[in-house]
């Protein structure tokens, strides 16, 4: 089995050349754009609703990104706002399940990807946020419309620590990097 792998590696190296795909640069570029995206979310940590009714200057700004006024839950609007600030045209939704379609579904638990929490009473993903980092069986997140307890109807933007096993799905909304030979 090991012999087959070695032969396959030699074949790929010979057939495609070592300079065809600059993997190191792609990885570095991807890390940088994920850091750039998260920098906008990090600046919002500590934002709080004005009255606890999904309102306040910043919350209304997040909701405006998806065409809504104060009042509705805003975790998905916060995610959309972060992507807009970082220069991306998508996603733009206030509906958290829409952030986990087949085209963006991911198994990767990496910074900048989204996480979705399943809410049994709703029978759907009912809360979303951004992954900031992974720490073993835990993720550090930045999420809007949550609270110290981690609820989906919260009062602000928080950095949270969540067990990976509590996450229903992950998605990656960053467009693929172009590979230029």
C-alpha atoms as a PDB file:
ATOM      1  CA  UNK A   1       0.000   0.000   0.000  1.00  0.00           C
ATOM      2  CA  UNK A   2       2.807   2.415   0.864  1.00  0.00           C
ATOM      3  CA  UNK A   3       4.486   1.600  -2.468  1.00  0.00           C
ATOM      4  CA  UNK A   4       1.348   2.592  -4.342  1.00  0.00           C
ATOM      5  CA  UNK A   5       1.224   5.912  -2.486  1.00  0.00           C
ATOM      6  CA  UNK A   6       4.863   6.657  -3.309  1.00  0.00           C
ATOM      7  CA  UNK A   7       4.298   5.835  -6.979  1.00  0.00           C
ATOM      8  CA  UNK A   8       1.180   8.019  -7.017  1.00  0.00           C
ATOM      9  CA  UNK A   9       3.067  10.940  -5.451  1.00  0.00           C
ATOM     10  CA  UNK A  10       5.902  10.576  -7.980  1.00  0.00           C
ATOM     11  CA  UNK A  11       3.404  10.398 -10.837  1.00  0.00           C
ATOM     12  CA  UNK A  12       1.523  13.502  -9.674  1.00  0.00           C
ATOM     13  CA  UNK A  13       4.755  15.408  -9.118  1.00  0.00           C
ATOM     14  CA  UNK A  14       5.996  14.461 -12.584  1.00  0.00           C
ATOM     15  CA  UNK A  15       2.695  14.973 -14.392  1.00  0.00           C
ATOM     16  CA  UNK A  16       1.663  18.238 -12.807  1.00  0.00           C
ATOM     17  CA  UNK A  17       4.953  19.735 -11.711  1.00  0.00           C
ATOM     18  CA  UNK A  18       5.797  21.188  -8.348  1.00  0.00           C
ATOM     19  CA  UNK A  19       5.080  24.792  -9.327  1.00  0.00           C
ATOM     20  CA  UNK A  20       1.603  24.332 -10.784  1.00  0.00           C
ATOM     21  CA  UNK A  21      -0.284  25.113  -7.589  1.00  0.00           C
ATOM     22  CA  UNK A  22       1.424  27.469  -5.135  1.00  0.00           C
ATOM     23  CA  UNK A  23      -0.188  25.857  -2.086  1.00  0.00           C
ATOM     24  CA  UNK A  24       1.755  27.898   0.467  1.00  0.00           C
ATOM     25  CA  UNK A  25       0.601  31.207  -1.010  1.00  0.00           C
ATOM     26  CA  UNK A  26      -3.004  30.047  -1.305  1.00  0.00           C
ATOM     27  CA  UNK A  27      -3.052  28.953   2.315  1.00  0.00           C
ATOM     28  CA  UNK A  28      -1.474  32.210   3.453  1.00  0.00           C
ATOM     29  CA  UNK A  29      -3.959  34.233   1.386  1.00  0.00           C
ATOM     30  CA  UNK A  30      -6.883  32.240   2.793  1.00  0.00           C
ATOM     31  CA  UNK A  31      -5.705  32.765   6.374  1.00  0.00           C
ATOM     32  CA  UNK A  32      -5.356  36.501   5.735  1.00  0.00           C
ATOM     33  CA  UNK A  33      -8.815  36.932   4.276  1.00  0.00           C
ATOM     34  CA  UNK A  34     -10.349  34.939   7.138  1.00  0.00           C
ATOM     35  CA  UNK A  35      -8.542  37.175   9.645  1.00  0.00           C
ATOM     36  CA  UNK A  36      -9.756  40.222   7.729  1.00  0.00           C
ATOM     37  CA  UNK A  37     -13.360  38.971   7.869  1.00  0.00           C
ATOM     38  CA  UNK A  38     -13.169  38.221  11.591  1.00  0.00           C
ATOM     39  CA  UNK A  39     -11.647  41.609  12.369  1.00  0.00           C
ATOM     40  CA  UNK A  40     -15.025  43.223  11.660  1.00  0.00           C
ATOM     41  CA  UNK A  41     -16.819  40.807  13.980  1.00  0.00           C
ATOM     42  CA  UNK A  42     -14.221  41.295  16.725  1.00  0.00           C
ATOM     43  CA  UNK A  43     -14.774  45.055  16.686  1.00  0.00           C
ATOM     44  CA  UNK A  44     -18.462  44.468  17.466  1.00  0.00           C
ATOM     45  CA  UNK A  45     -17.921  42.389  20.623  1.00  0.00           C
ATOM     46  CA  UNK A  46     -19.640  44.265  23.423  1.00  0.00           C
ATOM     47  CA  UNK A  47     -22.404  45.818  21.305  1.00  0.00           C
ATOM     48  CA  UNK A  48     -25.692  45.620  23.227  1.00  0.00           C
ATOM     49  CA  UNK A  49     -29.320  46.156  22.315  1.00  0.00           C
ATOM     50  CA  UNK A  50     -30.785  49.458  23.475  1.00  0.00           C
ATOM     51  CA  UNK A  51     -33.876  48.067  25.207  1.00  0.00           C
ATOM     52  CA  UNK A  52     -33.639  44.291  24.867  1.00  0.00           C
ATOM     53  CA  UNK A  53     -36.096  44.288  21.967  1.00  0.00           C
ATOM     54  CA  UNK A  54     -33.735  43.692  19.035  1.00  0.00           C
ATOM     55  CA  UNK A  55     -33.017  47.394  18.711  1.00  0.00           C
ATOM     56  CA  UNK A  56     -30.298  49.988  19.074  1.00  0.00           C
ATOM     57  CA  UNK A  57     -28.090  51.823  16.600  1.00  0.00           C
ATOM     58  CA  UNK A  58     -25.726  48.923  15.806  1.00  0.00           C
ATOM     59  CA  UNK A  59     -28.425  46.225  15.841  1.00  0.00           C
ATOM     60  CA  UNK A  60     -30.558  48.269  13.461  1.00  0.00           C
ATOM     61  CA  UNK A  61     -27.495  48.691  11.223  1.00  0.00           C
ATOM     62  CA  UNK A  62     -27.077  44.870  11.081  1.00  0.00           C
ATOM     63  CA  UNK A  63     -30.773  44.432  10.279  1.00  0.00           C
ATOM     64  CA  UNK A  64     -30.630  47.125   7.598  1.00  0.00           C
ATOM     65  CA  UNK A  65     -28.000  45.029   5.784  1.00  0.00           C
ATOM     66  CA  UNK A  66     -30.733  42.459   5.069  1.00  0.00           C
ATOM     67  CA  UNK A  67     -33.506  44.990   4.437  1.00  0.00           C
ATOM     68  CA  UNK A  68     -35.178  44.869   7.861  1.00  0.00           C
ATOM     69  CA  UNK A  69     -36.000  47.401  10.555  1.00  0.00           C
ATOM     70  CA  UNK A  70     -35.642  46.893  14.305  1.00  0.00           C
ATOM     71  CA  UNK A  71     -37.492  44.032  15.934  1.00  0.00           C
ATOM     72  CA  UNK A  72     -36.669  40.661  14.326  1.00  0.00           C
ATOM     73  CA  UNK A  73     -33.976  38.270  15.598  1.00  0.00           C
ATOM     74  CA  UNK A  74     -30.643  39.396  14.166  1.00  0.00           C
ATOM     75  CA  UNK A  75     -27.969  36.683  14.461  1.00  0.00           C
ATOM     76  CA  UNK A  76     -27.988  36.010  10.686  1.00  0.00           C
ATOM     77  CA  UNK A  77     -28.180  39.730   9.919  1.00  0.00           C
ATOM     78  CA  UNK A  78     -25.049  40.225  12.035  1.00  0.00           C
ATOM     79  CA  UNK A  79     -23.213  37.567   9.995  1.00  0.00           C
ATOM     80  CA  UNK A  80     -24.387  39.220   6.759  1.00  0.00           C
ATOM     81  CA  UNK A  81     -23.213  42.618   8.019  1.00  0.00           C
ATOM     82  CA  UNK A  82     -19.749  41.239   8.855  1.00  0.00           C
ATOM     83  CA  UNK A  83     -19.389  39.807   5.344  1.00  0.00           C
ATOM     84  CA  UNK A  84     -20.565  43.093   3.816  1.00  0.00           C
ATOM     85  CA  UNK A  85     -18.017  45.082   5.833  1.00  0.00           C
ATOM     86  CA  UNK A  86     -15.267  42.727   4.656  1.00  0.00           C
ATOM     87  CA  UNK A  87     -16.234  43.392   1.031  1.00  0.00           C
ATOM     88  CA  UNK A  88     -18.294  40.306   0.177  1.00  0.00           C
ATOM     89  CA  UNK A  89     -21.658  40.498  -1.586  1.00  0.00           C
ATOM     90  CA  UNK A  90     -22.955  37.318   0.061  1.00  0.00           C
ATOM     91  CA  UNK A  91     -24.529  36.210   2.309  1.00  0.00           C
ATOM     92  CA  UNK A  92     -27.430  38.633   2.733  1.00  0.00           C
ATOM     93  CA  UNK A  93     -30.135  37.014   4.840  1.00  0.00           C
ATOM     94  CA  UNK A  94     -31.842  37.273   8.199  1.00  0.00           C
ATOM     95  CA  UNK A  95     -32.961  33.616   7.968  1.00  0.00           C
ATOM     96  CA  UNK A  96     -30.351  31.454   9.696  1.00  0.00           C
ATOM     97  CA  UNK A  97     -31.282  28.180   7.880  1.00  0.00           C
ATOM     98  CA  UNK A  98     -30.482  29.877   4.547  1.00  0.00           C
ATOM     99  CA  UNK A  99     -26.830  30.091   5.594  1.00  0.00           C
ATOM    100  CA  UNK A 100     -26.419  26.301   5.458  1.00  0.00           C
ATOM    101  CA  UNK A 101     -27.406  25.233   1.940  1.00  0.00           C
ATOM    102  CA  UNK A 102     -25.653  22.459  -0.005  1.00  0.00           C
ATOM    103  CA  UNK A 103     -23.364  24.825  -1.951  1.00  0.00           C
ATOM    104  CA  UNK A 104     -21.775  26.244   1.201  1.00  0.00           C
ATOM    105  CA  UNK A 105     -21.997  23.260   3.555  1.00  0.00           C
ATOM    106  CA  UNK A 106     -18.622  22.450   5.084  1.00  0.00           C
ATOM    107  CA  UNK A 107     -17.068  19.970   7.477  1.00  0.00           C
ATOM    108  CA  UNK A 108     -14.169  22.308   8.186  1.00  0.00           C
ATOM    109  CA  UNK A 109     -14.060  23.939  11.582  1.00  0.00           C
ATOM    110  CA  UNK A 110     -11.853  26.887  10.705  1.00  0.00           C
ATOM    111  CA  UNK A 111     -11.855  30.626  11.417  1.00  0.00           C
ATOM    112  CA  UNK A 112     -14.375  32.529   9.336  1.00  0.00           C
ATOM    113  CA  UNK A 113     -16.678  29.591   8.747  1.00  0.00           C
ATOM    114  CA  UNK A 114     -20.191  29.699  10.156  1.00  0.00           C
ATOM    115  CA  UNK A 115     -21.769  27.377  12.701  1.00  0.00           C
ATOM    116  CA  UNK A 116     -25.466  26.612  13.033  1.00  0.00           C
ATOM    117  CA  UNK A 117     -27.269  25.427  16.152  1.00  0.00           C
ATOM    118  CA  UNK A 118     -30.363  23.259  15.791  1.00  0.00           C
ATOM    119  CA  UNK A 119     -33.349  24.399  17.825  1.00  0.00           C
ATOM    120  CA  UNK A 120     -35.680  21.483  18.576  1.00  0.00           C
ATOM    121  CA  UNK A 121     -38.779  23.652  19.207  1.00  0.00           C
ATOM    122  CA  UNK A 122     -38.257  25.309  15.808  1.00  0.00           C
ATOM    123  CA  UNK A 123     -37.259  22.072  14.039  1.00  0.00           C
ATOM    124  CA  UNK A 124     -34.516  23.958  12.185  1.00  0.00           C
ATOM    125  CA  UNK A 125     -31.253  25.811  12.604  1.00  0.00           C
ATOM    126  CA  UNK A 126     -32.231  28.684  14.847  1.00  0.00           C
ATOM    127  CA  UNK A 127     -28.942  30.396  15.626  1.00  0.00           C
ATOM    128  CA  UNK A 128     -25.783  31.196  13.662  1.00  0.00           C
ATOM    129  CA  UNK A 129     -22.419  32.795  14.310  1.00  0.00           C
ATOM    130  CA  UNK A 130     -18.816  32.961  13.132  1.00  0.00           C
ATOM    131  CA  UNK A 131     -16.044  30.591  14.171  1.00  0.00           C
ATOM    132  CA  UNK A 132     -13.079  32.491  15.551  1.00  0.00           C
ATOM    133  CA  UNK A 133     -10.910  29.502  16.483  1.00  0.00           C
ATOM    134  CA  UNK A 134     -10.916  25.840  17.430  1.00  0.00           C
ATOM    135  CA  UNK A 135      -9.616  24.602  20.774  1.00  0.00           C
ATOM    136  CA  UNK A 136      -9.785  20.813  20.896  1.00  0.00           C
ATOM    137  CA  UNK A 137     -13.448  19.822  21.224  1.00  0.00           C
ATOM    138  CA  UNK A 138     -14.520  23.459  21.529  1.00  0.00           C
ATOM    139  CA  UNK A 139     -14.896  26.443  19.229  1.00  0.00           C
ATOM    140  CA  UNK A 140     -14.535  30.089  20.097  1.00  0.00           C
ATOM    141  CA  UNK A 141     -17.217  32.067  18.322  1.00  0.00           C
ATOM    142  CA  UNK A 142     -18.397  35.595  17.704  1.00  0.00           C
ATOM    143  CA  UNK A 143     -22.148  35.823  17.472  1.00  0.00           C
ATOM    144  CA  UNK A 144     -24.896  38.379  17.506  1.00  0.00           C
ATOM    145  CA  UNK A 145     -28.250  38.227  19.295  1.00  0.00           C
ATOM    146  CA  UNK A 146     -26.976  35.983  22.066  1.00  0.00           C
ATOM    147  CA  UNK A 147     -26.232  36.432  25.760  1.00  0.00           C
ATOM    148  CA  UNK A 148     -23.950  35.125  28.503  1.00  0.00           C
ATOM    149  CA  UNK A 149     -25.932  31.869  28.606  1.00  0.00           C
ATOM    150  CA  UNK A 150     -25.596  31.427  24.823  1.00  0.00           C
ATOM    151  CA  UNK A 151     -29.290  31.787  24.000  1.00  0.00           C
ATOM    152  CA  UNK A 152     -30.651  32.628  20.552  1.00  0.00           C
ATOM    153  CA  UNK A 153     -32.724  35.560  21.790  1.00  0.00           C
ATOM    154  CA  UNK A 154     -29.983  37.521  23.450  1.00  0.00           C
ATOM    155  CA  UNK A 155     -29.027  41.109  23.953  1.00  0.00           C
ATOM    156  CA  UNK A 156     -25.752  41.658  22.143  1.00  0.00           C
ATOM    157  CA  UNK A 157     -22.607  40.542  20.354  1.00  0.00           C
ATOM    158  CA  UNK A 158     -20.521  38.124  22.397  1.00  0.00           C
ATOM    159  CA  UNK A 159     -17.462  35.928  22.136  1.00  0.00           C
ATOM    160  CA  UNK A 160     -18.621  32.459  23.194  1.00  0.00           C
ATOM    161  CA  UNK A 161     -17.067  29.054  23.825  1.00  0.00           C
ATOM    162  CA  UNK A 162     -19.216  26.237  22.455  1.00  0.00           C
ATOM    163  CA  UNK A 163     -18.791  22.471  22.382  1.00  0.00           C
ATOM    164  CA  UNK A 164     -18.359  21.204  18.822  1.00  0.00           C
ATOM    165  CA  UNK A 165     -20.802  18.387  19.575  1.00  0.00           C
ATOM    166  CA  UNK A 166     -23.513  21.018  20.171  1.00  0.00           C
ATOM    167  CA  UNK A 167     -23.171  22.337  16.610  1.00  0.00           C
ATOM    168  CA  UNK A 168     -25.525  21.004  13.962  1.00  0.00           C
ATOM    169  CA  UNK A 169     -23.782  22.225  10.824  1.00  0.00           C
ATOM    170  CA  UNK A 170     -20.921  24.321   9.454  1.00  0.00           C
ATOM    171  CA  UNK A 171     -20.742  26.404   6.283  1.00  0.00           C
ATOM    172  CA  UNK A 172     -18.133  28.367   4.347  1.00  0.00           C
ATOM    173  CA  UNK A 173     -19.318  31.516   2.566  1.00  0.00           C
ATOM    174  CA  UNK A 174     -15.897  32.743   1.465  1.00  0.00           C
ATOM    175  CA  UNK A 175     -15.535  32.351  -2.301  1.00  0.00           C
ATOM    176  CA  UNK A 176     -12.795  29.984  -3.471  1.00  0.00           C
ATOM    177  CA  UNK A 177      -9.416  31.522  -4.132  1.00  0.00           C
ATOM    178  CA  UNK A 178      -8.390  31.573  -7.759  1.00  0.00           C
ATOM    179  CA  UNK A 179      -5.318  29.529  -8.605  1.00  0.00           C
ATOM    180  CA  UNK A 180      -3.148  31.213 -11.207  1.00  0.00           C
ATOM    181  CA  UNK A 181      -0.391  28.968 -12.596  1.00  0.00           C
END
